[in-house]
N, C-alpha and C. Protein backbone atom coordinates (compact mmCIF):
# COMPACT_ATOMS: atom_id res chain seq x y z
N MET A 1 23.03 -8.07 13.42
CA MET A 1 21.77 -8.12 14.12
C MET A 1 21.69 -9.40 14.94
N THR A 2 21.16 -9.28 16.11
CA THR A 2 20.96 -10.45 16.95
C THR A 2 19.64 -11.12 16.58
N ARG A 3 19.43 -12.29 17.12
CA ARG A 3 18.17 -12.99 16.84
C ARG A 3 16.99 -12.21 17.38
N ARG A 4 17.17 -11.59 18.54
CA ARG A 4 16.09 -10.83 19.14
C ARG A 4 15.70 -9.65 18.24
N THR A 5 16.70 -8.97 17.69
CA THR A 5 16.43 -7.84 16.81
C THR A 5 15.74 -8.30 15.54
N LYS A 6 16.21 -9.41 14.99
CA LYS A 6 15.60 -9.94 13.77
C LYS A 6 14.16 -10.36 14.04
N ALA A 7 13.91 -10.98 15.18
CA ALA A 7 12.55 -11.42 15.51
C ALA A 7 11.63 -10.22 15.71
N ALA A 8 12.15 -9.19 16.36
CA ALA A 8 11.35 -7.99 16.58
C ALA A 8 11.04 -7.30 15.25
N CYS A 9 12.02 -7.24 14.36
CA CYS A 9 11.80 -6.64 13.04
C CYS A 9 10.78 -7.45 12.23
N ALA A 10 10.88 -8.76 12.31
CA ALA A 10 9.93 -9.61 11.58
C ALA A 10 8.52 -9.43 12.12
N ALA A 11 8.38 -9.37 13.43
CA ALA A 11 7.06 -9.17 14.03
C ALA A 11 6.49 -7.80 13.66
N ALA A 12 7.35 -6.78 13.67
CA ALA A 12 6.90 -5.44 13.30
C ALA A 12 6.48 -5.39 11.83
N ALA A 13 7.24 -6.04 10.97
CA ALA A 13 6.90 -6.07 9.55
C ALA A 13 5.59 -6.81 9.31
N LEU A 14 5.40 -7.92 10.00
CA LEU A 14 4.16 -8.68 9.85
C LEU A 14 2.96 -7.88 10.35
N THR A 15 3.12 -7.22 11.47
CA THR A 15 2.04 -6.40 12.01
C THR A 15 1.71 -5.25 11.06
N ALA A 16 2.74 -4.60 10.52
CA ALA A 16 2.52 -3.51 9.57
C ALA A 16 1.81 -4.01 8.33
N ALA A 17 2.21 -5.17 7.84
CA ALA A 17 1.56 -5.73 6.65
C ALA A 17 0.10 -6.05 6.92
N LEU A 18 -0.19 -6.60 8.09
CA LEU A 18 -1.58 -6.89 8.44
C LEU A 18 -2.41 -5.63 8.53
N LEU A 19 -1.85 -4.60 9.13
CA LEU A 19 -2.58 -3.35 9.25
C LEU A 19 -2.80 -2.70 7.89
N LEU A 20 -1.79 -2.73 7.03
CA LEU A 20 -1.92 -2.12 5.71
C LEU A 20 -2.93 -2.86 4.85
N THR A 21 -2.95 -4.18 4.92
CA THR A 21 -3.90 -4.92 4.10
C THR A 21 -5.31 -4.78 4.64
N ALA A 22 -5.45 -4.61 5.94
CA ALA A 22 -6.78 -4.46 6.53
C ALA A 22 -7.36 -3.08 6.27
N CYS A 23 -6.50 -2.08 6.15
CA CYS A 23 -6.97 -0.71 5.99
C CYS A 23 -6.75 -0.15 4.60
N GLY A 24 -6.35 -0.98 3.67
CA GLY A 24 -6.07 -0.52 2.31
C GLY A 24 -7.34 -0.17 1.56
N PRO A 25 -7.16 0.39 0.36
CA PRO A 25 -8.33 0.77 -0.44
C PRO A 25 -9.12 -0.45 -0.89
N ASP A 26 -10.40 -0.28 -1.01
CA ASP A 26 -11.30 -1.34 -1.45
C ASP A 26 -11.36 -1.27 -2.97
N THR A 27 -11.01 -2.34 -3.67
CA THR A 27 -10.98 -2.33 -5.13
C THR A 27 -12.38 -2.23 -5.73
N ALA A 28 -13.40 -2.54 -4.95
CA ALA A 28 -14.77 -2.46 -5.47
C ALA A 28 -15.24 -1.01 -5.56
N THR A 29 -14.59 -0.11 -4.83
CA THR A 29 -15.00 1.30 -4.83
C THR A 29 -13.78 2.19 -5.07
N PRO A 30 -13.23 2.19 -6.30
CA PRO A 30 -12.02 2.97 -6.56
C PRO A 30 -12.24 4.48 -6.53
N HIS A 31 -13.48 4.93 -6.60
CA HIS A 31 -13.76 6.37 -6.61
C HIS A 31 -13.65 6.99 -5.23
N GLN A 32 -13.63 6.20 -4.19
CA GLN A 32 -13.52 6.73 -2.84
C GLN A 32 -12.06 6.94 -2.48
N ALA A 33 -11.74 8.11 -1.94
CA ALA A 33 -10.38 8.39 -1.52
C ALA A 33 -10.04 7.64 -0.24
N ALA A 34 -10.99 7.56 0.68
CA ALA A 34 -10.76 6.87 1.95
C ALA A 34 -11.98 6.01 2.28
N PRO A 35 -11.98 4.76 1.82
CA PRO A 35 -13.14 3.91 2.09
C PRO A 35 -13.28 3.63 3.57
N SER A 36 -14.49 3.40 3.99
CA SER A 36 -14.72 3.11 5.40
C SER A 36 -14.14 1.75 5.74
N ALA A 37 -13.66 1.62 6.93
CA ALA A 37 -13.03 0.37 7.36
C ALA A 37 -14.04 -0.46 8.14
N THR A 38 -14.94 -1.09 7.42
CA THR A 38 -15.91 -1.95 8.07
C THR A 38 -15.48 -3.39 7.92
N LEU A 39 -15.50 -4.11 9.01
CA LEU A 39 -15.12 -5.51 9.01
C LEU A 39 -16.27 -6.32 9.59
N ASP A 40 -16.50 -7.47 8.99
CA ASP A 40 -17.50 -8.34 9.61
C ASP A 40 -16.79 -9.18 10.68
N GLU A 41 -17.53 -9.93 11.41
CA GLU A 41 -16.99 -10.68 12.55
C GLU A 41 -15.93 -11.69 12.13
N SER A 42 -16.12 -12.36 10.99
CA SER A 42 -15.14 -13.36 10.57
C SER A 42 -13.82 -12.72 10.17
N GLN A 43 -13.88 -11.55 9.51
CA GLN A 43 -12.66 -10.84 9.15
C GLN A 43 -11.93 -10.36 10.40
N LEU A 44 -12.68 -9.86 11.34
CA LEU A 44 -12.10 -9.38 12.59
C LEU A 44 -11.44 -10.53 13.36
N ALA A 45 -12.10 -11.66 13.41
CA ALA A 45 -11.55 -12.82 14.10
C ALA A 45 -10.28 -13.31 13.40
N ASP A 46 -10.28 -13.30 12.06
CA ASP A 46 -9.11 -13.72 11.30
C ASP A 46 -7.92 -12.80 11.56
N LEU A 47 -8.16 -11.50 11.54
CA LEU A 47 -7.08 -10.55 11.82
C LEU A 47 -6.56 -10.68 13.24
N GLN A 48 -7.45 -10.90 14.19
CA GLN A 48 -7.02 -11.08 15.58
C GLN A 48 -6.18 -12.34 15.73
N GLN A 49 -6.58 -13.39 15.02
CA GLN A 49 -5.82 -14.65 15.07
C GLN A 49 -4.42 -14.44 14.48
N LYS A 50 -4.32 -13.71 13.39
CA LYS A 50 -3.02 -13.44 12.78
C LYS A 50 -2.15 -12.59 13.69
N LEU A 51 -2.74 -11.61 14.33
CA LEU A 51 -2.00 -10.76 15.25
C LEU A 51 -1.52 -11.56 16.45
N ASP A 52 -2.37 -12.41 16.99
CA ASP A 52 -1.98 -13.26 18.12
C ASP A 52 -0.83 -14.20 17.73
N ALA A 53 -0.90 -14.74 16.51
CA ALA A 53 0.17 -15.63 16.04
C ALA A 53 1.48 -14.88 15.90
N ALA A 54 1.43 -13.65 15.39
CA ALA A 54 2.65 -12.85 15.25
C ALA A 54 3.24 -12.52 16.60
N GLU A 55 2.39 -12.15 17.56
CA GLU A 55 2.89 -11.84 18.89
C GLU A 55 3.46 -13.09 19.56
N SER A 56 2.84 -14.22 19.36
CA SER A 56 3.33 -15.47 19.93
C SER A 56 4.68 -15.84 19.33
N ALA A 57 4.82 -15.67 18.01
CA ALA A 57 6.09 -15.98 17.35
C ALA A 57 7.20 -15.05 17.85
N ALA A 58 6.87 -13.78 18.04
CA ALA A 58 7.86 -12.84 18.55
C ALA A 58 8.27 -13.20 19.97
N ALA A 59 7.32 -13.59 20.79
CA ALA A 59 7.63 -13.98 22.17
C ALA A 59 8.48 -15.25 22.20
N ALA A 60 8.17 -16.19 21.33
CA ALA A 60 8.96 -17.42 21.27
C ALA A 60 10.38 -17.14 20.80
N ALA A 61 10.52 -16.26 19.81
CA ALA A 61 11.85 -15.90 19.32
C ALA A 61 12.63 -15.17 20.40
N ASP A 62 11.97 -14.33 21.13
CA ASP A 62 12.61 -13.61 22.23
C ASP A 62 13.07 -14.60 23.31
N GLN A 63 12.24 -15.57 23.62
CA GLN A 63 12.59 -16.59 24.61
C GLN A 63 13.79 -17.41 24.13
N ASN A 64 13.78 -17.78 22.85
CA ASN A 64 14.90 -18.55 22.29
C ASN A 64 16.19 -17.74 22.32
N ALA A 65 16.10 -16.47 21.99
CA ALA A 65 17.30 -15.61 22.02
C ALA A 65 17.82 -15.47 23.45
N THR A 66 16.92 -15.38 24.41
CA THR A 66 17.32 -15.27 25.81
C THR A 66 18.01 -16.55 26.26
N GLU A 67 17.49 -17.69 25.85
CA GLU A 67 18.09 -18.98 26.24
C GLU A 67 19.45 -19.17 25.58
N ASP A 68 19.64 -18.64 24.38
CA ASP A 68 20.90 -18.80 23.66
C ASP A 68 22.00 -17.92 24.28
N ASN A 69 21.62 -16.85 24.94
CA ASN A 69 22.63 -15.95 25.50
C ASN A 69 22.95 -16.30 26.88
């Protein structure tokens, strides 16, 4: 695997993990099969910040891989 492939895989895994933790079941309501996905503003801002950081890291890794080749 090249650095670019590894960086892309890492970014995809991080994004998937963020999405799964944001949309996972709510432990406070185990009786619900599909709890509603309500987020308050601070949670939404936190998730957006994490997503932006992941995208920035992927772009930086891509730039580094391009410079190395």
